[in-house]
C-alpha atoms as a PDB file:
ATOM      1  CA  MET A   1      -0.552   1.846  29.724  1.00  0.00           C
ATOM      2  CA  ALA A   2       1.001  -0.409  26.353  1.00  0.00           C
ATOM      3  CA  GLU A   3      -2.096   1.726  24.839  1.00  0.00           C
ATOM      4  CA  ASN A   4      -0.434   5.720  26.170  1.00  0.00           C
ATOM      5  CA  LYS A   5       2.580   4.757  24.210  1.00  0.00           C
ATOM      6  CA  THR A   6       3.278   6.085  21.058  1.00  0.00           C
ATOM      7  CA  LYS A   7       2.582   3.762  18.057  1.00  0.00           C
ATOM      8  CA  VAL A   8       4.875   3.485  14.506  1.00  0.00           C
ATOM      9  CA  ALA A   9       4.024   2.588  11.397  1.00  0.00           C
ATOM     10  CA  LEU A  10       6.096   0.991   8.436  1.00  0.00           C
ATOM     11  CA  VAL A  11       4.976   2.213   5.327  1.00  0.00           C
ATOM     12  CA  THR A  12       6.980   0.765   1.789  1.00  0.00           C
ATOM     13  CA  GLY A  13       6.458   3.243  -1.477  1.00  0.00           C
ATOM     14  CA  ALA A  14       6.014   6.676   0.623  1.00  0.00           C
ATOM     15  CA  ALA A  15       8.581   8.294  -1.177  1.00  0.00           C
ATOM     16  CA  GLN A  16       5.533  10.029  -3.071  1.00  0.00           C
ATOM     17  CA  GLY A  17       2.401   9.412  -3.976  1.00  0.00           C
ATOM     18  CA  ILE A  18      -0.478   6.814  -1.608  1.00  0.00           C
ATOM     19  CA  GLY A  19       2.387   6.435   0.557  1.00  0.00           C
ATOM     20  CA  ARG A  20       3.147   9.508   1.230  1.00  0.00           C
ATOM     21  CA  GLY A  21      -0.800  10.301   1.478  1.00  0.00           C
ATOM     22  CA  ILE A  22      -0.182   7.440   3.688  1.00  0.00           C
ATOM     23  CA  ALA A  23       2.462   8.432   5.988  1.00  0.00           C
ATOM     24  CA  LEU A  24       1.849  12.379   6.348  1.00  0.00           C
ATOM     25  CA  LYS A  25      -2.316  11.099   7.857  1.00  0.00           C
ATOM     26  CA  LEU A  26      -0.688   8.590  10.135  1.00  0.00           C
ATOM     27  CA  ALA A  27       1.770  11.291  11.556  1.00  0.00           C
ATOM     28  CA  GLU A  28      -1.638  13.522  12.227  1.00  0.00           C
ATOM     29  CA  ASP A  29      -2.767  10.063  13.916  1.00  0.00           C
ATOM     30  CA  GLY A  30       0.151  10.289  16.760  1.00  0.00           C
ATOM     31  CA  PHE A  31       2.090   7.471  14.623  1.00  0.00           C
ATOM     32  CA  ASP A  32       6.032   7.743  14.123  1.00  0.00           C
ATOM     33  CA  LEU A  33       6.611   7.023  10.749  1.00  0.00           C
ATOM     34  CA  ALA A  34       8.902   4.783   8.498  1.00  0.00           C
ATOM     35  CA  ILE A  35       9.422   5.875   5.843  1.00  0.00           C
ATOM     36  CA  ALA A  36      10.223   3.016   2.913  1.00  0.00           C
ATOM     37  CA  ASP A  37      11.064   3.508  -0.421  1.00  0.00           C
ATOM     38  CA  LEU A  38      13.737   2.054  -2.959  1.00  0.00           C
ATOM     39  CA  GLU A  39      17.071   3.454  -2.046  1.00  0.00           C
ATOM     40  CA  PRO A  40      17.166   5.615  -5.379  1.00  0.00           C
ATOM     41  CA  GLN A  41      14.549   7.732  -3.702  1.00  0.00           C
ATOM     42  CA  GLN A  42      16.403   8.379  -0.607  1.00  0.00           C
ATOM     43  CA  GLU A  43      15.949  12.096  -2.004  1.00  0.00           C
ATOM     44  CA  LYS A  44      11.657  12.817  -2.290  1.00  0.00           C
ATOM     45  CA  GLY A  45      11.631   9.608   1.211  1.00  0.00           C
ATOM     46  CA  GLN A  46      13.870  12.729   3.351  1.00  0.00           C
ATOM     47  CA  ASP A  47      11.181  15.139   2.172  1.00  0.00           C
ATOM     48  CA  VAL A  48       8.498  13.241   3.696  1.00  0.00           C
ATOM     49  CA  VAL A  49      10.759  12.652   6.739  1.00  0.00           C
ATOM     50  CA  GLN A  50      10.710  16.699   7.216  1.00  0.00           C
ATOM     51  CA  GLU A  51       7.571  16.307   6.459  1.00  0.00           C
ATOM     52  CA  VAL A  52       5.850  14.492   9.085  1.00  0.00           C
ATOM     53  CA  GLU A  53       8.656  15.646  11.333  1.00  0.00           C
ATOM     54  CA  ALA A  54       6.751  19.190  10.749  1.00  0.00           C
ATOM     55  CA  LEU A  55       3.362  17.639  12.280  1.00  0.00           C
ATOM     56  CA  GLY A  56       5.271  16.544  15.593  1.00  0.00           C
ATOM     57  CA  ARG A  57       6.701  13.280  14.613  1.00  0.00           C
ATOM     58  CA  LYS A  58       9.072  10.752  14.057  1.00  0.00           C
ATOM     59  CA  ALA A  59      10.093   9.717  11.994  1.00  0.00           C
ATOM     60  CA  VAL A  60      13.596   8.559   9.060  1.00  0.00           C
ATOM     61  CA  PHE A  61      13.529   7.078   5.722  1.00  0.00           C
ATOM     62  CA  VAL A  62      14.478   2.980   5.004  1.00  0.00           C
ATOM     63  CA  PRO A  63      15.998   1.736   2.687  1.00  0.00           C
ATOM     64  CA  ILE A  64      13.638  -0.858   1.096  1.00  0.00           C
ATOM     65  CA  ASP A  65      13.915  -3.339  -2.322  1.00  0.00           C
ATOM     66  CA  VAL A  66       9.888  -4.927  -1.282  1.00  0.00           C
ATOM     67  CA  SER A  67      10.081  -7.332  -3.100  1.00  0.00           C
ATOM     68  CA  GLY A  68      13.679  -9.038  -1.344  1.00  0.00           C
ATOM     69  CA  LYS A  69      12.777 -11.122   2.001  1.00  0.00           C
ATOM     70  CA  ASP A  70      16.104  -9.946   3.554  1.00  0.00           C
ATOM     71  CA  SER A  71      15.784  -6.787   2.531  1.00  0.00           C
ATOM     72  CA  PHE A  72      11.894  -6.769   4.091  1.00  0.00           C
ATOM     73  CA  ASP A  73      13.566  -7.598   7.611  1.00  0.00           C
ATOM     74  CA  GLN A  74      15.768  -5.340   7.685  1.00  0.00           C
ATOM     75  CA  ALA A  75      13.572  -2.454   7.500  1.00  0.00           C
ATOM     76  CA  VAL A  76      11.485  -4.258   9.565  1.00  0.00           C
ATOM     77  CA  ASP A  77      14.094  -4.484  12.275  1.00  0.00           C
ATOM     78  CA  THR A  78      15.813  -0.880  11.517  1.00  0.00           C
ATOM     79  CA  ALA A  79      12.192   1.117  12.127  1.00  0.00           C
ATOM     80  CA  ALA A  80      12.005  -0.794  15.091  1.00  0.00           C
ATOM     81  CA  GLU A  81      15.826  -0.681  16.524  1.00  0.00           C
ATOM     82  CA  GLN A  82      15.414   3.670  14.998  1.00  0.00           C
ATOM     83  CA  LEU A  83      11.595   3.931  16.521  1.00  0.00           C
ATOM     84  CA  GLY A  84      11.111   2.183  18.721  1.00  0.00           C
ATOM     85  CA  GLY A  85       9.545   0.143  18.279  1.00  0.00           C
ATOM     86  CA  LEU A  86       6.749  -0.975  15.210  1.00  0.00           C
ATOM     87  CA  ASP A  87       2.580  -1.292  15.363  1.00  0.00           C
ATOM     88  CA  VAL A  88       1.686  -1.516  12.071  1.00  0.00           C
ATOM     89  CA  LEU A  89       2.799  -2.491   7.885  1.00  0.00           C
ATOM     90  CA  VAL A  90       1.139  -0.961   5.559  1.00  0.00           C
ATOM     91  CA  ASN A  91       2.238  -3.212   2.827  1.00  0.00           C
ATOM     92  CA  ASN A  92       1.904  -0.164   0.092  1.00  0.00           C
ATOM     93  CA  ALA A  93       4.624  -0.349  -2.452  1.00  0.00           C
ATOM     94  CA  GLY A  94       3.677  -1.789  -5.753  1.00  0.00           C
ATOM     95  CA  ILE A  95       3.334  -1.636 -10.128  1.00  0.00           C
ATOM     96  CA  ALA A  96       1.682  -1.166 -12.522  1.00  0.00           C
ATOM     97  CA  GLN A  97       1.287  -2.490 -16.187  1.00  0.00           C
ATOM     98  CA  VAL A  98      -1.034  -2.329 -19.648  1.00  0.00           C
ATOM     99  CA  GLN A  99      -0.248  -4.644 -22.103  1.00  0.00           C
ATOM    100  CA  PRO A 100      -2.868  -7.345 -23.945  1.00  0.00           C
ATOM    101  CA  ILE A 101      -3.047 -10.566 -22.521  1.00  0.00           C
ATOM    102  CA  LEU A 102      -1.800 -12.120 -25.758  1.00  0.00           C
ATOM    103  CA  GLU A 103       1.592  -9.799 -25.363  1.00  0.00           C
ATOM    104  CA  VAL A 104       2.965 -10.406 -21.498  1.00  0.00           C
ATOM    105  CA  THR A 105       5.941 -11.645 -21.211  1.00  0.00           C
ATOM    106  CA  GLN A 106       7.534 -13.766 -18.761  1.00  0.00           C
ATOM    107  CA  GLU A 107      10.525 -11.352 -17.949  1.00  0.00           C
ATOM    108  CA  GLU A 108       6.382  -9.276 -16.793  1.00  0.00           C
ATOM    109  CA  LEU A 109       4.861 -11.486 -15.455  1.00  0.00           C
ATOM    110  CA  GLU A 110       7.650 -11.781 -12.966  1.00  0.00           C
ATOM    111  CA  LYS A 111       8.474  -8.357 -11.980  1.00  0.00           C
ATOM    112  CA  ILE A 112       4.903  -6.946 -10.599  1.00  0.00           C
ATOM    113  CA  PHE A 113       3.829 -10.364  -8.983  1.00  0.00           C
ATOM    114  CA  ALA A 114       7.518 -10.258  -7.366  1.00  0.00           C
ATOM    115  CA  ILE A 115       6.489  -6.085  -5.901  1.00  0.00           C
ATOM    116  CA  ASN A 116       2.803  -6.883  -5.457  1.00  0.00           C
ATOM    117  CA  VAL A 117       2.540 -10.163  -4.212  1.00  0.00           C
ATOM    118  CA  HIS A 118       5.634 -11.408  -2.893  1.00  0.00           C
ATOM    119  CA  SER A 119       6.361  -8.698  -0.962  1.00  0.00           C
ATOM    120  CA  ILE A 120       3.061  -9.145   1.029  1.00  0.00           C
ATOM    121  CA  PHE A 121       3.908 -12.761   2.468  1.00  0.00           C
ATOM    122  CA  PHE A 122       7.947 -10.930   3.134  1.00  0.00           C
ATOM    123  CA  GLY A 123       6.246  -8.183   4.677  1.00  0.00           C
ATOM    124  CA  ILE A 124       3.615  -9.835   6.409  1.00  0.00           C
ATOM    125  CA  GLN A 125       6.544 -13.136   7.640  1.00  0.00           C
ATOM    126  CA  ALA A 126       9.120  -9.813   9.219  1.00  0.00           C
ATOM    127  CA  ALA A 127       5.935  -7.504  10.966  1.00  0.00           C
ATOM    128  CA  VAL A 128       4.453 -10.643  12.818  1.00  0.00           C
ATOM    129  CA  ARG A 129       8.033 -12.048  13.432  1.00  0.00           C
ATOM    130  CA  LYS A 130       8.510  -8.377  14.719  1.00  0.00           C
ATOM    131  CA  PHE A 131       5.154  -7.795  16.474  1.00  0.00           C
ATOM    132  CA  ASP A 132       5.650 -11.392  18.348  1.00  0.00           C
ATOM    133  CA  GLU A 133       8.717  -9.757  19.569  1.00  0.00           C
ATOM    134  CA  LEU A 134       7.841  -6.669  20.763  1.00  0.00           C
ATOM    135  CA  GLY A 135       4.842  -8.576  22.428  1.00  0.00           C
ATOM    136  CA  VAL A 136       2.247  -6.178  20.644  1.00  0.00           C
ATOM    137  CA  LYS A 137      -1.228  -6.857  18.751  1.00  0.00           C
ATOM    138  CA  GLY A 138      -0.226  -5.877  15.376  1.00  0.00           C
ATOM    139  CA  LYS A 139      -1.852  -4.442  12.311  1.00  0.00           C
ATOM    140  CA  ILE A 140      -0.791  -4.896   8.522  1.00  0.00           C
ATOM    141  CA  ILE A 141      -2.831  -3.342   5.667  1.00  0.00           C
ATOM    142  CA  ASN A 142      -2.645  -4.092   2.272  1.00  0.00           C
ATOM    143  CA  ALA A 143      -2.696  -2.156  -0.792  1.00  0.00           C
ATOM    144  CA  ALA A 144      -5.402  -4.005  -3.088  1.00  0.00           C
ATOM    145  CA  SER A 145      -7.345  -2.861  -5.858  1.00  0.00           C
ATOM    146  CA  ILE A 146     -10.629  -2.463  -7.631  1.00  0.00           C
ATOM    147  CA  ALA A 147      -8.810  -3.954  -9.317  1.00  0.00           C
ATOM    148  CA  ALA A 148      -8.487  -7.182  -6.741  1.00  0.00           C
ATOM    149  CA  VAL A 149     -12.651  -7.299  -7.502  1.00  0.00           C
ATOM    150  CA  LYS A 150     -12.924  -6.884 -11.036  1.00  0.00           C
ATOM    151  CA  GLY A 151     -10.668  -7.818 -13.252  1.00  0.00           C
ATOM    152  CA  PHE A 152      -9.769  -5.355 -16.484  1.00  0.00           C
ATOM    153  CA  PRO A 153      -8.882  -5.325 -19.743  1.00  0.00           C
ATOM    154  CA  ILE A 154      -4.932  -4.809 -20.611  1.00  0.00           C
ATOM    155  CA  LEU A 155      -4.152  -4.964 -17.299  1.00  0.00           C
ATOM    156  CA  SER A 156      -3.911  -8.718 -17.219  1.00  0.00           C
ATOM    157  CA  ALA A 157      -1.198  -9.029 -14.453  1.00  0.00           C
ATOM    158  CA  TYR A 158      -1.982  -6.017 -12.585  1.00  0.00           C
ATOM    159  CA  SER A 159      -5.222  -7.112 -11.636  1.00  0.00           C
ATOM    160  CA  ALA A 160      -3.770 -10.693 -10.960  1.00  0.00           C
ATOM    161  CA  SER A 161      -1.083  -9.421  -8.723  1.00  0.00           C
ATOM    162  CA  LYS A 162      -4.533  -7.317  -6.373  1.00  0.00           C
ATOM    163  CA  PHE A 163      -7.020 -10.055  -6.475  1.00  0.00           C
ATOM    164  CA  ALA A 164      -4.168 -11.898  -5.083  1.00  0.00           C
ATOM    165  CA  VAL A 165      -3.173 -10.486  -2.390  1.00  0.00           C
ATOM    166  CA  ARG A 166      -6.887  -9.839  -1.890  1.00  0.00           C
ATOM    167  CA  GLY A 167      -6.247 -13.859  -1.341  1.00  0.00           C
ATOM    168  CA  ILE A 168      -3.866 -13.358   0.787  1.00  0.00           C
ATOM    169  CA  THR A 169      -5.099 -10.573   2.826  1.00  0.00           C
ATOM    170  CA  GLN A 170      -8.403 -13.344   4.015  1.00  0.00           C
ATOM    171  CA  THR A 171      -5.420 -16.290   4.503  1.00  0.00           C
ATOM    172  CA  ALA A 172      -3.571 -14.161   6.839  1.00  0.00           C
ATOM    173  CA  ALA A 173      -6.132 -13.195   8.281  1.00  0.00           C
ATOM    174  CA  GLN A 174      -6.962 -16.821   9.992  1.00  0.00           C
ATOM    175  CA  GLU A 175      -3.818 -17.946  11.154  1.00  0.00           C
ATOM    176  CA  LEU A 176      -2.430 -14.275  12.189  1.00  0.00           C
ATOM    177  CA  ALA A 177      -6.058 -13.924  14.111  1.00  0.00           C
ATOM    178  CA  PRO A 178      -4.926 -16.020  17.550  1.00  0.00           C
ATOM    179  CA  LYS A 179      -2.017 -14.350  17.961  1.00  0.00           C
ATOM    180  CA  GLY A 180      -4.230 -10.761  17.884  1.00  0.00           C
ATOM    181  CA  HIS A 181      -2.792  -9.427  14.637  1.00  0.00           C
ATOM    182  CA  THR A 182      -5.184  -8.238  12.455  1.00  0.00           C
ATOM    183  CA  VAL A 183      -4.530  -7.938   8.141  1.00  0.00           C
ATOM    184  CA  ASN A 184      -6.569  -5.184   5.661  1.00  0.00           C
ATOM    185  CA  ALA A 185      -6.939  -4.657   1.959  1.00  0.00           C
ATOM    186  CA  TYR A 186      -7.587  -1.341   0.937  1.00  0.00           C
ATOM    187  CA  GLY A 187      -8.840  -0.628  -2.358  1.00  0.00           C
ATOM    188  CA  PRO A 188      -8.267   2.766  -4.689  1.00  0.00           C
ATOM    189  CA  GLY A 189      -9.582   3.494  -7.742  1.00  0.00           C
ATOM    190  CA  ILE A 190      -8.346   6.195  -9.891  1.00  0.00           C
ATOM    191  CA  VAL A 191      -5.748   7.916  -8.126  1.00  0.00           C
ATOM    192  CA  GLY A 192      -4.289  10.834  -9.379  1.00  0.00           C
ATOM    193  CA  THR A 193      -0.977  10.557  -8.850  1.00  0.00           C
ATOM    194  CA  GLY A 194       2.077   8.590 -11.593  1.00  0.00           C
ATOM    195  CA  MET A 195       0.676   5.403 -11.638  1.00  0.00           C
ATOM    196  CA  TRP A 196      -2.416   6.404 -13.417  1.00  0.00           C
ATOM    197  CA  GLU A 197      -0.508   8.586 -15.344  1.00  0.00           C
ATOM    198  CA  LEU A 198       1.465   5.889 -16.942  1.00  0.00           C
ATOM    199  CA  ILE A 199      -1.689   3.971 -17.247  1.00  0.00           C
ATOM    200  CA  ASP A 200      -3.394   6.980 -19.524  1.00  0.00           C
ATOM    201  CA  ARG A 201       0.530   6.702 -21.476  1.00  0.00           C
ATOM    202  CA  GLU A 202       0.672   2.691 -22.298  1.00  0.00           C
ATOM    203  CA  LEU A 203      -3.277   3.190 -23.568  1.00  0.00           C
ATOM    204  CA  HIS A 204      -2.677   5.597 -25.790  1.00  0.00           C
ATOM    205  CA  LYS A 205      -0.210   3.804 -27.520  1.00  0.00           C
ATOM    206  CA  ILE A 206      -2.489   0.692 -27.532  1.00  0.00           C
ATOM    207  CA  ASN A 207      -5.664   2.528 -29.095  1.00  0.00           C
ATOM    208  CA  GLY A 208      -4.515   5.481 -30.140  1.00  0.00           C
ATOM    209  CA  LYS A 209      -7.173   7.714 -27.968  1.00  0.00           C
ATOM    210  CA  PRO A 210      -5.697  12.010 -27.090  1.00  0.00           C
ATOM    211  CA  ILE A 211      -3.098  11.755 -23.628  1.00  0.00           C
ATOM    212  CA  GLY A 212      -5.571  12.839 -21.077  1.00  0.00           C
ATOM    213  CA  GLN A 213      -8.957  11.172 -22.835  1.00  0.00           C
ATOM    214  CA  ASN A 214      -8.669   7.256 -21.383  1.00  0.00           C
ATOM    215  CA  LEU A 215      -8.031   8.551 -17.903  1.00  0.00           C
ATOM    216  CA  GLN A 216     -10.534  11.363 -18.662  1.00  0.00           C
ATOM    217  CA  GLU A 217     -12.655   9.475 -19.800  1.00  0.00           C
ATOM    218  CA  ASN A 218     -12.531   6.717 -16.326  1.00  0.00           C
ATOM    219  CA  VAL A 219     -13.152   9.732 -13.914  1.00  0.00           C
ATOM    220  CA  GLU A 220     -16.567  10.175 -15.796  1.00  0.00           C
ATOM    221  CA  THR A 221     -17.714   6.732 -14.265  1.00  0.00           C
ATOM    222  CA  ILE A 222     -16.900   7.613 -10.766  1.00  0.00           C
ATOM    223  CA  ALA A 223     -20.347   8.716  -8.850  1.00  0.00           C
ATOM    224  CA  LEU A 224     -18.735  10.991  -6.545  1.00  0.00           C
ATOM    225  CA  GLY A 225     -17.538  12.849 -10.025  1.00  0.00           C
ATOM    226  CA  ARG A 226     -14.011  13.467  -9.736  1.00  0.00           C
ATOM    227  CA  ILE A 227     -10.522  11.932  -9.664  1.00  0.00           C
ATOM    228  CA  GLU A 228      -9.736  10.356  -6.358  1.00  0.00           C
ATOM    229  CA  THR A 229      -6.453  11.855  -3.608  1.00  0.00           C
ATOM    230  CA  PRO A 230      -4.052   9.796  -1.647  1.00  0.00           C
ATOM    231  CA  GLU A 231      -6.084  11.591   1.205  1.00  0.00           C
ATOM    232  CA  ASP A 232      -8.626   9.951   0.663  1.00  0.00           C
ATOM    233  CA  VAL A 233      -6.747   6.330   0.546  1.00  0.00           C
ATOM    234  CA  ALA A 234      -5.313   7.760   3.467  1.00  0.00           C
ATOM    235  CA  GLY A 235      -8.447   7.766   4.964  1.00  0.00           C
ATOM    236  CA  VAL A 236      -9.944   4.409   4.924  1.00  0.00           C
ATOM    237  CA  VAL A 237      -5.359   3.463   6.164  1.00  0.00           C
ATOM    238  CA  SER A 238      -6.013   5.775   9.429  1.00  0.00           C
ATOM    239  CA  PHE A 239      -8.960   3.391  10.567  1.00  0.00           C
ATOM    240  CA  PHE A 240      -7.024   0.387   9.663  1.00  0.00           C
ATOM    241  CA  ALA A 241      -4.382   1.626  11.912  1.00  0.00           C
ATOM    242  CA  SER A 242      -6.440   2.342  14.405  1.00  0.00           C
ATOM    243  CA  ASN A 243      -8.304   1.135  17.870  1.00  0.00           C
ATOM    244  CA  ARG A 244     -11.605   1.736  15.628  1.00  0.00           C
ATOM    245  CA  ALA A 245     -10.600  -1.232  13.901  1.00  0.00           C
ATOM    246  CA  ASP A 246      -9.945  -4.139  15.604  1.00  0.00           C
ATOM    247  CA  TYR A 247     -12.431  -6.445  15.450  1.00  0.00           C
ATOM    248  CA  VAL A 248     -11.902  -5.749  11.416  1.00  0.00           C
ATOM    249  CA  THR A 249      -9.824  -8.031  10.038  1.00  0.00           C
ATOM    250  CA  GLY A 250      -9.218 -10.176   7.062  1.00  0.00           C
ATOM    251  CA  GLN A 251     -11.030  -7.139   4.314  1.00  0.00           C
ATOM    252  CA  THR A 252     -10.723  -5.593   1.605  1.00  0.00           C
ATOM    253  CA  LEU A 253     -12.313  -2.153   1.439  1.00  0.00           C
ATOM    254  CA  LEU A 254     -12.991  -0.593  -2.431  1.00  0.00           C
ATOM    255  CA  VAL A 255     -11.981   3.691  -1.876  1.00  0.00           C
ATOM    256  CA  ASP A 256     -13.632   3.770  -5.789  1.00  0.00           C
ATOM    257  CA  GLY A 257     -15.477   6.632  -5.187  1.00  0.00           C
ATOM    258  CA  GLY A 258     -18.221   5.062  -6.271  1.00  0.00           C
ATOM    259  CA  MET A 259     -16.841   2.399  -9.265  1.00  0.00           C
ATOM    260  CA  LEU A 260     -17.502  -1.175  -7.590  1.00  0.00           C
ATOM    261  CA  TYR A 261     -20.128  -1.749  -6.032  1.00  0.00           C
ATOM    262  CA  ASN A 262     -19.158  -5.794  -3.390  1.00  0.00           C
END
């Protein structure tokens, strides 16, 4: 049966952080992996490839600039060719910007929307083209955020981009349901990765609090009492990528330890 065939997932931004955690979890679930990231991240990406292979799965590093449609199309084609198919796309790559709303520039808006929003469109388009070509019912899983359901001060551009991801997820789910494809999103809270280190540093410049204090104060608002790990996020992605989520589409599931209640 086709269900016995090894499934393939492509994860963007997979050379480090949350993307790496997602890739390793999907490998544990039995997926072969395309580790997709920027060309300068290839060395880190190859490390993740080796970690996936140590789990007994196949993996390849695929260079990608998620803000470019042609780059996304090429990455999907390369992944499917080298790994023998494509069943899941995780649109994980993204950036944060910390800036008072009155100081956000046109260049900053264009950059964050190119990476956080345009990539979702290009990823969906590329993945569905490949799903249909291969005759599979695919799963698309997008990176949202707690900032997709509540706007946060000093994170206006980031919040706007993540609200957009949530909206795209809902509309794509409706349009692609007749094909049998599902589209969902995960909404992390405060994850102990480089992104939150950046946010903490930038908040320090704005409010003068010592490095680490802004992060700690935010962590103290988490009901479960600890900072989030990439593995926490990966568990939700694992569910969306599995057949247990075959009847779930158009949803943004918060995985934040109890910060927001949606």
